[in-house]
Amino acid sequence: MWHTSRGDRTLRGAEAALVRNAIDAMIDSLLIHLDDDVEEARAVCESGIAVYDALSPSQRIAMLHDVSRYLLTETESAIPLSSTLEATIAAIFADIRDQIAIEIDFLSIQPDTDDDEDDRTVNPPPWRPLVLDAYTLLYRPQEGSNASWAEMLEELPDESCRDIRLWEPLITALADAILWDRDFELADGFLDADPGVSRKRRRLLGIQDDYFTGVAPDPRPEEVDRLISWTRDIVRRRPR
């Protein structure tokens, strides 16, 4: 269970499938650089999310495990939010954006064939249909609303669309369905400020006192293997 902007919930259906596949892909990428120099690994696996990118590969694996456990499975209570946890959520959706960009680039170098045929040459999952399915699950107009399902579909990119700019708003909207805001982007300003000033600013913005000070787990090598196994058990299990 997770404290999302849509209430305390566990991801289901297409939304869960998208996040599961993204976490699985991120674990694969981190495994390649697990034994690299920490600074080199951070640079290679950069997501553009500063708080997440400051973590070592083993810390990122630990955070992805926590996100998988609380966001994708039923737990007795929701995990308290922190800048590190929410930055990990943002990094997951940054990776989804990157996966779509890679998918589009891959298709652009293939011989000119029908788009549907091109899509079958990409190793599963095809990311654009995953994003479309998750978006329509969350944002399909409710009965009685002014918007219609047909109108919404006309505004969405086709799953064969190769313009990354048209996919970015959908990915942002999916991230917004989980994240309350982007407070984690303010971490440096709060941590470097005078404690009294920082406290007043947190209260004005409604940020918990320990939001920026939570320390990411730093598992030992033997613990990393277990975390990877546990995380994959969650993200690869049959969806409900």
Protein backbone atom coordinates (compact mmCIF):
# COMPACT_ATOMS: atom_id res chain seq x y z
CA MET A 1 0.00 0.00 0.00
CA TRP A 2 1.25 3.48 -0.87
CA HIS A 3 0.24 7.04 0.04
CA THR A 4 -0.51 8.19 -3.51
CA SER A 5 -2.06 11.43 -4.71
CA ARG A 6 -5.21 9.34 -5.32
CA GLY A 7 -5.33 7.95 -1.80
CA ASP A 8 -3.79 4.93 -0.10
CA ARG A 9 -3.77 2.18 -2.70
CA THR A 10 -1.93 -0.73 -4.30
CA LEU A 11 -1.37 -0.55 -8.06
CA ARG A 12 -3.54 -2.87 -10.16
CA GLY A 13 -3.96 -3.94 -13.75
CA ALA A 14 -2.21 -2.04 -16.53
CA GLU A 15 -0.78 0.55 -14.15
CA ALA A 16 0.90 -2.18 -12.11
CA ALA A 17 2.10 -3.97 -15.26
CA LEU A 18 3.87 -0.83 -16.48
CA VAL A 19 5.64 -0.22 -13.16
CA ARG A 20 6.55 -3.90 -12.73
CA ASN A 21 8.22 -4.01 -16.15
CA ALA A 22 10.09 -0.76 -15.50
CA ILE A 23 11.46 -1.98 -12.16
CA ASP A 24 12.49 -5.28 -13.72
CA ALA A 25 14.38 -3.43 -16.47
CA MET A 26 16.04 -1.13 -13.93
CA ILE A 27 17.24 -4.10 -11.87
CA ASP A 28 18.77 -5.62 -15.01
CA SER A 29 20.64 -2.38 -15.75
CA LEU A 30 21.89 -2.02 -12.18
CA LEU A 31 23.17 -5.61 -12.11
CA ILE A 32 25.54 -4.86 -14.97
CA HIS A 33 27.21 -2.10 -12.95
CA LEU A 34 26.92 -3.55 -9.47
CA ASP A 35 30.66 -4.25 -9.20
CA ASP A 36 31.77 -1.03 -10.91
CA ASP A 37 33.28 1.94 -9.12
CA VAL A 38 30.37 3.65 -7.32
CA GLU A 39 30.87 7.05 -8.98
CA GLU A 40 31.20 5.47 -12.42
CA ALA A 41 28.07 3.37 -11.86
CA ARG A 42 26.12 6.44 -10.73
CA ALA A 43 27.05 8.29 -13.90
CA VAL A 44 26.24 5.39 -16.25
CA CYS A 45 22.85 4.70 -14.64
CA GLU A 46 21.88 8.36 -14.33
CA SER A 47 18.13 9.02 -14.37
CA GLY A 48 18.11 12.81 -14.08
CA ILE A 49 16.52 12.55 -10.61
CA ALA A 50 19.24 13.98 -8.34
CA VAL A 51 18.23 12.31 -5.07
CA TYR A 52 18.02 8.89 -6.73
CA ASP A 53 21.19 9.39 -8.78
CA ALA A 54 23.16 10.11 -5.58
CA LEU A 55 22.57 6.51 -4.46
CA SER A 56 24.91 3.63 -5.16
CA PRO A 57 23.64 0.72 -7.30
CA SER A 58 23.07 -1.43 -4.19
CA GLN A 59 21.11 1.37 -2.52
CA ARG A 60 18.99 1.80 -5.65
CA ILE A 61 18.22 -1.92 -5.63
CA ALA A 62 17.15 -1.63 -1.98
CA MET A 63 14.89 1.32 -2.81
CA LEU A 64 13.36 -0.49 -5.80
CA HIS A 65 12.63 -3.43 -3.50
CA ASP A 66 10.83 -1.15 -1.02
CA VAL A 67 8.82 0.47 -3.81
CA SER A 68 7.90 -2.93 -5.25
CA ARG A 69 6.80 -4.27 -1.90
CA TYR A 70 4.65 -1.32 -0.86
CA LEU A 71 3.39 -0.12 -4.24
CA LEU A 72 2.65 -3.49 -5.85
CA THR A 73 1.60 -5.76 -2.96
CA GLU A 74 -0.94 -5.54 -0.20
CA THR A 75 0.71 -4.48 3.06
CA GLU A 76 -0.87 -3.81 6.42
CA SER A 77 0.11 -0.15 6.25
CA ALA A 78 1.68 2.30 3.82
CA ILE A 79 5.36 3.09 4.10
CA PRO A 80 6.05 6.66 5.34
CA LEU A 81 7.02 8.81 2.39
CA SER A 82 10.53 10.26 2.12
CA SER A 83 12.44 12.21 -0.50
CA THR A 84 14.40 9.07 -1.38
CA LEU A 85 11.29 6.94 -1.89
CA GLU A 86 9.50 9.52 -4.00
CA ALA A 87 12.66 10.19 -6.01
CA THR A 88 12.74 6.45 -6.75
CA ILE A 89 9.17 6.66 -8.06
CA ALA A 90 10.18 9.58 -10.27
CA ALA A 91 13.21 7.62 -11.49
CA ILE A 92 10.97 4.71 -12.48
CA PHE A 93 8.91 6.98 -14.73
CA ALA A 94 12.06 8.62 -16.08
CA ASP A 95 13.20 5.14 -17.05
CA ILE A 96 9.86 4.45 -18.74
CA ARG A 97 10.38 7.60 -20.80
CA ASP A 98 13.90 6.43 -21.70
CA GLN A 99 12.64 2.96 -22.64
CA ILE A 100 10.14 4.48 -25.06
CA ALA A 101 12.88 6.66 -26.56
CA ILE A 102 15.07 3.59 -27.02
CA GLU A 103 12.17 1.67 -28.53
CA ILE A 104 11.53 4.49 -31.01
CA ASP A 105 15.22 4.80 -31.88
CA PHE A 106 15.46 1.05 -32.42
CA LEU A 107 12.51 1.06 -34.79
CA SER A 108 13.89 4.05 -36.69
CA ILE A 109 16.92 2.06 -37.83
CA GLN A 110 14.88 -0.92 -39.01
CA PRO A 111 13.96 -1.34 -42.69
CA ASP A 112 10.81 0.53 -43.67
CA THR A 113 7.95 -1.86 -42.96
CA ASP A 114 4.51 -1.64 -41.43
CA ASP A 115 4.61 -0.20 -37.89
CA ASP A 116 2.81 -3.21 -36.46
CA GLU A 117 5.41 -5.51 -37.97
CA ASP A 118 8.21 -3.29 -36.60
CA ASP A 119 6.76 -3.46 -33.12
CA ARG A 120 6.97 -7.24 -33.16
CA THR A 121 10.76 -7.02 -33.63
CA VAL A 122 11.14 -5.30 -30.23
CA ASN A 123 11.76 -7.61 -27.28
CA PRO A 124 8.73 -7.58 -24.98
CA PRO A 125 7.32 -5.56 -23.45
CA PRO A 126 6.52 -2.92 -26.07
CA TRP A 127 6.52 0.17 -23.87
CA ARG A 128 4.12 2.40 -25.78
CA PRO A 129 1.12 0.04 -25.48
CA LEU A 130 1.93 -0.41 -21.78
CA VAL A 131 1.80 3.36 -21.25
CA LEU A 132 -1.44 3.69 -23.24
CA ASP A 133 -3.13 0.88 -21.31
CA ALA A 134 -2.10 2.36 -17.95
CA TYR A 135 -3.15 5.88 -18.95
CA THR A 136 -6.58 4.85 -20.22
CA LEU A 137 -7.14 2.79 -17.07
CA LEU A 138 -6.53 5.81 -14.85
CA TYR A 139 -7.92 8.67 -16.92
CA ARG A 140 -10.85 7.20 -18.82
CA PRO A 141 -13.74 9.70 -18.40
CA GLN A 142 -16.30 8.70 -15.82
CA GLU A 143 -19.98 8.42 -16.67
CA GLY A 144 -21.63 11.81 -16.45
CA SER A 145 -18.44 13.76 -17.18
CA ASN A 146 -18.29 16.33 -19.96
CA ALA A 147 -15.51 14.48 -21.75
CA SER A 148 -16.24 11.38 -23.83
CA TRP A 149 -14.20 8.23 -24.30
CA ALA A 150 -14.07 8.81 -28.07
CA GLU A 151 -12.78 12.36 -27.61
CA MET A 152 -10.08 11.17 -25.25
CA LEU A 153 -8.91 8.47 -27.66
CA GLU A 154 -8.62 11.04 -30.46
CA GLU A 155 -6.23 13.10 -28.32
CA LEU A 156 -3.96 10.17 -27.43
CA PRO A 157 -1.03 9.06 -29.59
CA ASP A 158 -1.40 5.82 -31.47
CA GLU A 159 0.70 3.01 -30.01
CA SER A 160 2.89 3.15 -33.13
CA CYS A 161 3.57 6.89 -32.66
CA ARG A 162 7.30 7.64 -32.79
CA ASP A 163 7.22 11.20 -31.44
CA ILE A 164 8.57 11.04 -27.87
CA ARG A 165 7.12 14.49 -27.16
CA LEU A 166 3.60 13.06 -27.41
CA TRP A 167 4.39 10.33 -24.89
CA GLU A 168 5.96 12.55 -22.25
CA PRO A 169 2.68 14.15 -21.00
CA LEU A 170 1.15 10.68 -20.53
CA ILE A 171 4.16 9.50 -18.53
CA THR A 172 4.04 12.63 -16.38
CA ALA A 173 0.32 12.09 -15.74
CA LEU A 174 0.98 8.49 -14.68
CA ALA A 175 3.71 9.63 -12.28
CA ASP A 176 1.34 12.29 -10.90
CA ALA A 177 -1.20 9.57 -10.09
CA ILE A 178 1.30 8.28 -7.51
CA LEU A 179 3.38 11.29 -6.48
CA TRP A 180 1.82 14.06 -4.41
CA ASP A 181 4.25 16.63 -5.74
CA ARG A 182 7.96 17.04 -6.44
CA ASP A 183 9.16 17.97 -2.93
CA PHE A 184 12.15 15.64 -3.33
CA GLU A 185 13.55 18.14 -5.85
CA LEU A 186 13.99 20.61 -2.98
CA ALA A 187 16.21 18.31 -0.93
CA ASP A 188 19.49 20.22 -1.33
CA GLY A 189 17.89 23.53 -0.36
CA PHE A 190 16.42 22.09 2.83
CA LEU A 191 19.45 20.07 3.90
CA ASP A 192 21.82 23.03 3.44
CA ALA A 193 19.59 25.55 5.21
CA ASP A 194 19.71 26.63 8.84
CA PRO A 195 17.71 24.04 10.87
CA GLY A 196 15.29 26.67 12.15
CA VAL A 197 14.68 28.12 8.71
CA SER A 198 14.34 24.64 7.25
CA ARG A 199 11.75 23.69 9.88
CA LYS A 200 9.64 26.77 9.15
CA ARG A 201 9.78 26.16 5.42
CA ARG A 202 8.73 22.52 5.85
CA ARG A 203 5.75 23.56 7.94
CA LEU A 204 4.69 26.17 5.39
CA LEU A 205 4.84 23.56 2.63
CA GLY A 206 3.27 20.77 4.69
CA ILE A 207 6.37 18.57 4.54
CA GLN A 208 7.04 16.04 7.30
CA ASP A 209 10.06 16.81 9.50
CA ASP A 210 11.91 13.62 8.54
CA TYR A 211 11.02 13.71 4.82
CA PHE A 212 14.49 14.81 3.71
CA THR A 213 16.55 13.06 6.38
CA GLY A 214 15.57 9.43 5.80
CA VAL A 215 18.67 7.40 4.95
CA ALA A 216 18.49 4.91 2.10
CA PRO A 217 19.39 1.32 3.07
CA ASP A 218 22.94 0.30 2.13
CA PRO A 219 22.76 -3.49 1.89
CA ARG A 220 25.81 -5.74 2.07
CA PRO A 221 26.67 -7.78 -1.07
CA GLU A 222 25.00 -10.93 0.24
CA GLU A 223 21.88 -8.92 1.05
CA VAL A 224 21.74 -7.43 -2.45
CA ASP A 225 21.24 -10.87 -3.99
CA ARG A 226 18.28 -11.52 -1.69
CA LEU A 227 16.75 -8.12 -2.44
CA ILE A 228 17.02 -8.77 -6.18
CA SER A 229 15.38 -12.17 -5.78
CA TRP A 230 12.56 -10.77 -3.63
CA THR A 231 11.99 -7.85 -5.98
CA ARG A 232 11.83 -10.06 -9.05
CA ASP A 233 9.42 -12.36 -7.29
CA ILE A 234 7.11 -9.37 -6.92
CA VAL A 235 7.50 -7.80 -10.35
CA ARG A 236 7.44 -11.06 -12.31
CA ARG A 237 4.50 -12.73 -10.62
CA ARG A 238 1.26 -13.12 -12.53
CA PRO A 239 -0.74 -9.86 -12.37
CA ARG A 240 -4.22 -9.65 -10.92
